[in-house]
Amino acid sequence: MTVRVLSIGAGNMGRSHTLAYHQLPGFEVAGICTRSTDTAAKLASDLEVDCPAFDNFAQALAETKPDAV
């Protein structure tokens, strides 16, 4: 079973959490939500994660339907 995670924030802690989930077996980064979709997209690109970027939390939840946030 793969746990799909919606990562919130792309600063130091958000980046750290996203990287950790990306590297853990059994976890998948379903999306990244920040105040700026440019920042979220850059984090996804830097970590080579193929996931959508959001600047709206409700929209991110609705579209990704994550198992964890």
C-alpha atoms as a PDB file:
ATOM      1  CA  MET A   1       0.000   0.000   0.000  1.00  0.00           C
ATOM      2  CA  THR A   2       1.299   3.448  -0.923  1.00  0.00           C
ATOM      3  CA  VAL A   3       0.521   6.366   1.405  1.00  0.00           C
ATOM      4  CA  ARG A   4      -0.163   9.509  -0.618  1.00  0.00           C
ATOM      5  CA  VAL A   5       1.011  12.673   1.184  1.00  0.00           C
ATOM      6  CA  LEU A   6       0.045  16.284   0.529  1.00  0.00           C
ATOM      7  CA  SER A   7       2.996  18.417   1.621  1.00  0.00           C
ATOM      8  CA  ILE A   8       2.232  21.867   3.041  1.00  0.00           C
ATOM      9  CA  GLY A   9       4.862  24.575   2.738  1.00  0.00           C
ATOM     10  CA  ALA A  10       8.105  24.791   0.797  1.00  0.00           C
ATOM     11  CA  GLY A  11      10.306  26.543   3.350  1.00  0.00           C
ATOM     12  CA  ASN A  12      12.884  24.743   5.473  1.00  0.00           C
ATOM     13  CA  MET A  13      10.470  22.384   7.260  1.00  0.00           C
ATOM     14  CA  GLY A  14       8.150  21.854   4.295  1.00  0.00           C
ATOM     15  CA  ARG A  15      11.107  21.086   2.052  1.00  0.00           C
ATOM     16  CA  SER A  16      12.552  18.719   4.653  1.00  0.00           C
ATOM     17  CA  HIS A  17       9.251  16.848   5.082  1.00  0.00           C
ATOM     18  CA  THR A  18       8.683  16.606   1.334  1.00  0.00           C
ATOM     19  CA  LEU A  19      12.192  15.212   0.817  1.00  0.00           C
ATOM     20  CA  ALA A  20      11.718  12.686   3.627  1.00  0.00           C
ATOM     21  CA  TYR A  21       8.416  11.395   2.251  1.00  0.00           C
ATOM     22  CA  HIS A  22       9.844  11.292  -1.264  1.00  0.00           C
ATOM     23  CA  GLN A  23      12.701   9.056  -0.065  1.00  0.00           C
ATOM     24  CA  LEU A  24      10.654   6.732   2.175  1.00  0.00           C
ATOM     25  CA  PRO A  25       9.497   3.476   0.619  1.00  0.00           C
ATOM     26  CA  GLY A  26       5.726   3.197   0.606  1.00  0.00           C
ATOM     27  CA  PHE A  27       5.127   6.964   0.447  1.00  0.00           C
ATOM     28  CA  GLU A  28       4.305   9.195  -2.513  1.00  0.00           C
ATOM     29  CA  VAL A  29       4.171  12.995  -2.612  1.00  0.00           C
ATOM     30  CA  ALA A  30       0.696  13.625  -4.040  1.00  0.00           C
ATOM     31  CA  GLY A  31       1.063  17.412  -4.159  1.00  0.00           C
ATOM     32  CA  ILE A  32       2.748  20.449  -2.657  1.00  0.00           C
ATOM     33  CA  CYS A  33       0.725  23.393  -1.353  1.00  0.00           C
ATOM     34  CA  THR A  34       2.288  26.789  -0.613  1.00  0.00           C
ATOM     35  CA  ARG A  35       1.277  30.419  -0.828  1.00  0.00           C
ATOM     36  CA  SER A  36       3.044  30.518  -4.199  1.00  0.00           C
ATOM     37  CA  THR A  37       2.625  27.815  -6.823  1.00  0.00           C
ATOM     38  CA  ASP A  38       5.976  28.912  -8.270  1.00  0.00           C
ATOM     39  CA  THR A  39       7.696  27.986  -4.990  1.00  0.00           C
ATOM     40  CA  ALA A  40       5.880  24.646  -4.843  1.00  0.00           C
ATOM     41  CA  ALA A  41       6.725  23.867  -8.465  1.00  0.00           C
ATOM     42  CA  LYS A  42      10.398  24.739  -7.844  1.00  0.00           C
ATOM     43  CA  LEU A  43      10.518  22.390  -4.841  1.00  0.00           C
ATOM     44  CA  ALA A  44       8.943  19.589  -6.888  1.00  0.00           C
ATOM     45  CA  SER A  45      11.462  20.206  -9.670  1.00  0.00           C
ATOM     46  CA  ASP A  46      14.444  20.388  -7.287  1.00  0.00           C
ATOM     47  CA  LEU A  47      13.469  17.077  -5.683  1.00  0.00           C
ATOM     48  CA  GLU A  48      12.499  15.543  -9.039  1.00  0.00           C
ATOM     49  CA  VAL A  49       8.988  14.858  -7.752  1.00  0.00           C
ATOM     50  CA  ASP A  50       6.246  14.707 -10.372  1.00  0.00           C
ATOM     51  CA  CYS A  51       3.278  16.219  -8.536  1.00  0.00           C
ATOM     52  CA  PRO A  52       0.942  19.199  -8.820  1.00  0.00           C
ATOM     53  CA  ALA A  53       1.551  22.535  -7.101  1.00  0.00           C
ATOM     54  CA  PHE A  54      -1.233  24.402  -5.287  1.00  0.00           C
ATOM     55  CA  ASP A  55      -1.723  27.741  -3.550  1.00  0.00           C
ATOM     56  CA  ASN A  56      -5.160  26.804  -2.177  1.00  0.00           C
ATOM     57  CA  PHE A  57      -5.371  24.190   0.593  1.00  0.00           C
ATOM     58  CA  ALA A  58      -9.018  23.213  -0.010  1.00  0.00           C
ATOM     59  CA  GLN A  59      -8.364  22.738  -3.719  1.00  0.00           C
ATOM     60  CA  ALA A  60      -5.226  20.698  -2.976  1.00  0.00           C
ATOM     61  CA  LEU A  61      -7.186  18.368  -0.668  1.00  0.00           C
ATOM     62  CA  ALA A  62     -10.030  17.978  -3.153  1.00  0.00           C
ATOM     63  CA  GLU A  63      -7.804  17.256  -6.132  1.00  0.00           C
ATOM     64  CA  THR A  64      -5.143  15.028  -4.540  1.00  0.00           C
ATOM     65  CA  LYS A  65      -7.316  13.149  -2.020  1.00  0.00           C
ATOM     66  CA  PRO A  66      -4.242  12.399   0.149  1.00  0.00           C
ATOM     67  CA  ASP A  67      -3.968   9.765   2.857  1.00  0.00           C
ATOM     68  CA  ALA A  68      -1.916  12.168   4.994  1.00  0.00           C
ATOM     69  CA  VAL A  69      -1.132  15.889   5.139  1.00  0.00           C
END
